[in-house]
Structure formats: C-alpha cells, structure tokens
Amino acid sequence: MKSTYSGKVVKGRLVLYNEEMLKAKIAILEGKDVWLTLEWGERQRSSEQNRYYFGVVVRMLADETGYNLEEMHEALKWLFLKIPGENSKPDSVKSTADLTTTEFEQYLADIREWSLVKFNFNIPKPNEVEIPEYCPDFN
C-alpha cells in the first residue's frame, strides 16, 4: 500500500501541502513498519489549474462550440498534446494529468491563444475569473 503527500523544502524543513492528511494516515498505521521515499522535481499540474481548466476553459469552449465537456477536453488534447506515432504505431495524446505545472500553464496559454484566433473568443486568465470549487476530471 502506498500514499503520496507533496510539499516543499523551506529553510531545510519539509513543509507539507496537506499535513493533516499525513497525520491521519500515520495514526492509522500505528505499530506498522513503513518506508519513506523522497522524490523531487517539478510538480504535476495543481488542483487550482485543474479546476480552472475544466471549470472555465473547457466549459466555455464547450458552450461556444456545442461539444460536451468530455468531448471538448478530448478535442483540446488532440489539438495540443498529440504524440505522433512512429512506424506502424498510431498517434496518441498525452494525459493532462501527466503535465507539470509549467507544461500545463503553456497548454492553457496555447488554448487561450487558439480560441482567440480561431473563434475570436476570449477565455479569461485565472486571475480574471471566478474558478469553481469542483470540476469533473476526464484526464
């Protein structure tokens, strides 16, 4: 069984983004052997980015084009995250869940620019719109 908790090292100390979840898990594991693995690198897309993407970007484009949310999400992935197939392998798409925060931000910027050029439709940036608390996640 494996649980993952993320955080940041600040002044030589590990600061968890959700320390309460870890404390709850530790309480459940009382008396058990555990292993700690430390990984580092760039964070995967954030939950805030995810809520903005599905609650604002995908929803606005779906409303504008007539697609449902899942169809719009899939279309955007094929437009911007396509991985060309090699030899006899077909094309595929990268999952948005696999994007780092930086890659996801570029993906969002590409979609906003495309929307403006293709449809003359402005999608507000995250700081320009209220972001829903919950949104579906189709990856």
Protein backbone atom coordinates (compact mmCIF):
# COMPACT_ATOMS: atom_id res chain seq x y z
CA MET A 1 0.00 0.00 0.00
CA LYS A 2 1.35 3.43 -0.93
CA SER A 3 0.31 7.00 -0.11
CA THR A 4 1.79 10.13 -1.61
CA TYR A 5 1.99 13.51 0.11
CA SER A 6 3.52 16.55 -1.51
CA GLY A 7 5.24 19.54 -0.03
CA LYS A 8 8.20 21.85 -0.32
CA VAL A 9 11.52 22.17 1.46
CA VAL A 10 11.71 25.60 3.10
CA LYS A 11 14.81 26.61 5.09
CA GLY A 12 15.85 22.99 5.49
CA ARG A 13 12.43 21.75 6.67
CA LEU A 14 9.79 19.75 4.85
CA VAL A 15 6.51 21.69 4.71
CA LEU A 16 3.63 19.50 3.51
CA TYR A 17 0.79 20.95 1.47
CA ASN A 18 -1.70 18.86 3.44
CA GLU A 19 -0.09 17.88 6.73
CA GLU A 20 -3.41 16.87 8.30
CA MET A 21 -3.91 14.04 5.77
CA LEU A 22 -0.47 12.65 6.62
CA LYS A 23 -1.16 12.85 10.36
CA ALA A 24 -4.42 10.93 9.86
CA LYS A 25 -2.62 8.25 7.84
CA ILE A 26 0.15 7.93 10.44
CA ALA A 27 -2.48 7.41 13.16
CA ILE A 28 -3.96 4.53 11.13
CA LEU A 29 -0.52 2.95 10.70
CA GLU A 30 0.32 2.87 14.41
CA GLY A 31 2.67 -0.05 15.10
CA LYS A 32 3.26 -0.87 11.42
CA ASP A 33 6.58 -0.80 9.56
CA VAL A 34 6.74 1.99 6.96
CA TRP A 35 9.22 3.17 4.32
CA LEU A 36 9.78 6.77 3.33
CA THR A 37 10.69 7.59 -0.27
CA LEU A 38 11.70 11.12 -1.20
CA GLU A 39 11.21 12.24 -4.80
CA TRP A 40 11.71 15.69 -6.20
CA GLY A 41 11.15 17.52 -9.38
CA GLU A 42 8.60 19.81 -10.87
CA ARG A 43 5.07 19.46 -9.52
CA GLN A 44 2.32 17.94 -11.61
CA ARG A 45 -0.50 20.27 -12.55
CA SER A 46 -2.13 21.75 -9.49
CA SER A 47 -5.72 21.27 -8.38
CA GLU A 48 -6.23 25.02 -8.95
CA GLN A 49 -5.03 24.66 -12.55
CA ASN A 50 -7.28 21.64 -12.98
CA ARG A 51 -10.37 23.48 -11.67
CA TYR A 52 -9.63 26.47 -13.92
CA TYR A 53 -9.11 24.20 -16.93
CA PHE A 54 -12.31 22.20 -16.56
CA GLY A 55 -14.48 24.82 -14.88
CA VAL A 56 -13.56 27.76 -17.09
CA VAL A 57 -11.57 26.84 -20.22
CA VAL A 58 -13.23 23.56 -21.20
CA ARG A 59 -16.69 24.70 -20.08
CA MET A 60 -16.53 28.00 -22.02
CA LEU A 61 -15.24 26.32 -25.18
CA ALA A 62 -17.82 23.52 -24.89
CA ASP A 63 -20.59 26.10 -24.57
CA GLU A 64 -19.18 28.05 -27.54
CA THR A 65 -18.73 25.03 -29.84
CA GLY A 66 -21.60 22.76 -28.81
CA TYR A 67 -19.41 19.92 -27.57
CA ASN A 68 -20.00 18.39 -24.14
CA LEU A 69 -17.22 18.75 -21.54
CA GLU A 70 -15.57 15.39 -22.19
CA GLU A 71 -15.65 15.83 -25.98
CA MET A 72 -14.12 19.31 -25.67
CA HIS A 73 -11.40 18.05 -23.35
CA GLU A 74 -10.53 15.22 -25.77
CA ALA A 75 -10.50 17.63 -28.74
CA LEU A 76 -8.14 20.01 -26.92
CA LYS A 77 -5.78 17.17 -26.05
CA TRP A 78 -5.69 16.05 -29.70
CA LEU A 79 -5.05 19.63 -30.83
CA PHE A 80 -2.31 20.46 -28.34
CA LEU A 81 -0.96 17.25 -26.76
CA LYS A 82 -0.77 14.90 -29.73
CA ILE A 83 2.16 12.49 -29.80
CA PRO A 84 2.88 11.44 -33.40
CA GLY A 85 3.05 7.68 -33.87
CA GLU A 86 6.22 6.08 -35.13
CA ASN A 87 6.47 3.37 -37.77
CA SER A 88 3.18 1.48 -37.58
CA LYS A 89 2.10 2.91 -34.21
CA PRO A 90 -0.90 5.30 -34.31
CA ASP A 91 -0.86 8.82 -32.94
CA SER A 92 -1.72 9.18 -29.26
CA VAL A 93 -2.23 12.02 -26.80
CA LYS A 94 -0.54 12.88 -23.55
CA SER A 95 -2.76 12.97 -20.47
CA THR A 96 -3.17 16.38 -18.89
CA ALA A 97 -2.61 14.66 -15.53
CA ASP A 98 0.98 13.95 -16.61
CA LEU A 99 1.82 17.60 -17.30
CA THR A 100 3.95 19.59 -14.89
CA THR A 101 2.62 22.92 -13.65
CA THR A 102 4.79 24.70 -16.23
CA GLU A 103 3.71 22.43 -19.10
CA PHE A 104 0.07 22.77 -18.06
CA GLU A 105 0.34 26.56 -17.97
CA GLN A 106 1.76 26.51 -21.51
CA TYR A 107 -1.10 24.20 -22.58
CA LEU A 108 -3.60 26.71 -21.15
CA ALA A 109 -1.87 29.64 -22.86
CA ASP A 110 -1.91 27.77 -26.20
CA ILE A 111 -5.64 27.08 -25.83
CA ARG A 112 -6.43 30.70 -24.95
CA GLU A 113 -4.47 31.94 -27.97
CA TRP A 114 -6.09 29.36 -30.29
CA SER A 115 -9.55 30.28 -29.03
CA LEU A 116 -8.93 33.96 -29.71
CA VAL A 117 -7.55 33.35 -33.22
CA LYS A 118 -9.94 30.56 -34.27
CA PHE A 119 -13.21 31.83 -32.76
CA ASN A 120 -12.41 35.43 -31.76
CA PHE A 121 -13.39 34.13 -28.31
CA ASN A 122 -11.50 35.38 -25.25
CA ILE A 123 -11.01 32.96 -22.39
CA PRO A 124 -10.17 34.88 -19.21
CA LYS A 125 -6.97 34.12 -17.33
CA PRO A 126 -7.28 32.54 -13.87
CA ASN A 127 -6.91 35.89 -12.10
CA GLU A 128 -9.70 37.39 -14.23
CA VAL A 129 -12.49 34.93 -13.42
CA GLU A 130 -14.06 33.06 -10.51
CA ILE A 131 -12.85 29.45 -10.54
CA PRO A 132 -15.35 26.75 -9.48
CA GLU A 133 -14.56 24.72 -6.36
CA TYR A 134 -15.31 21.39 -8.06
CA CYS A 135 -14.96 20.29 -11.65
CA PRO A 136 -15.02 16.90 -13.39
CA ASP A 137 -11.64 15.45 -14.33
CA PHE A 138 -11.50 13.39 -17.50
CA ASN A 139 -7.67 13.36 -17.90
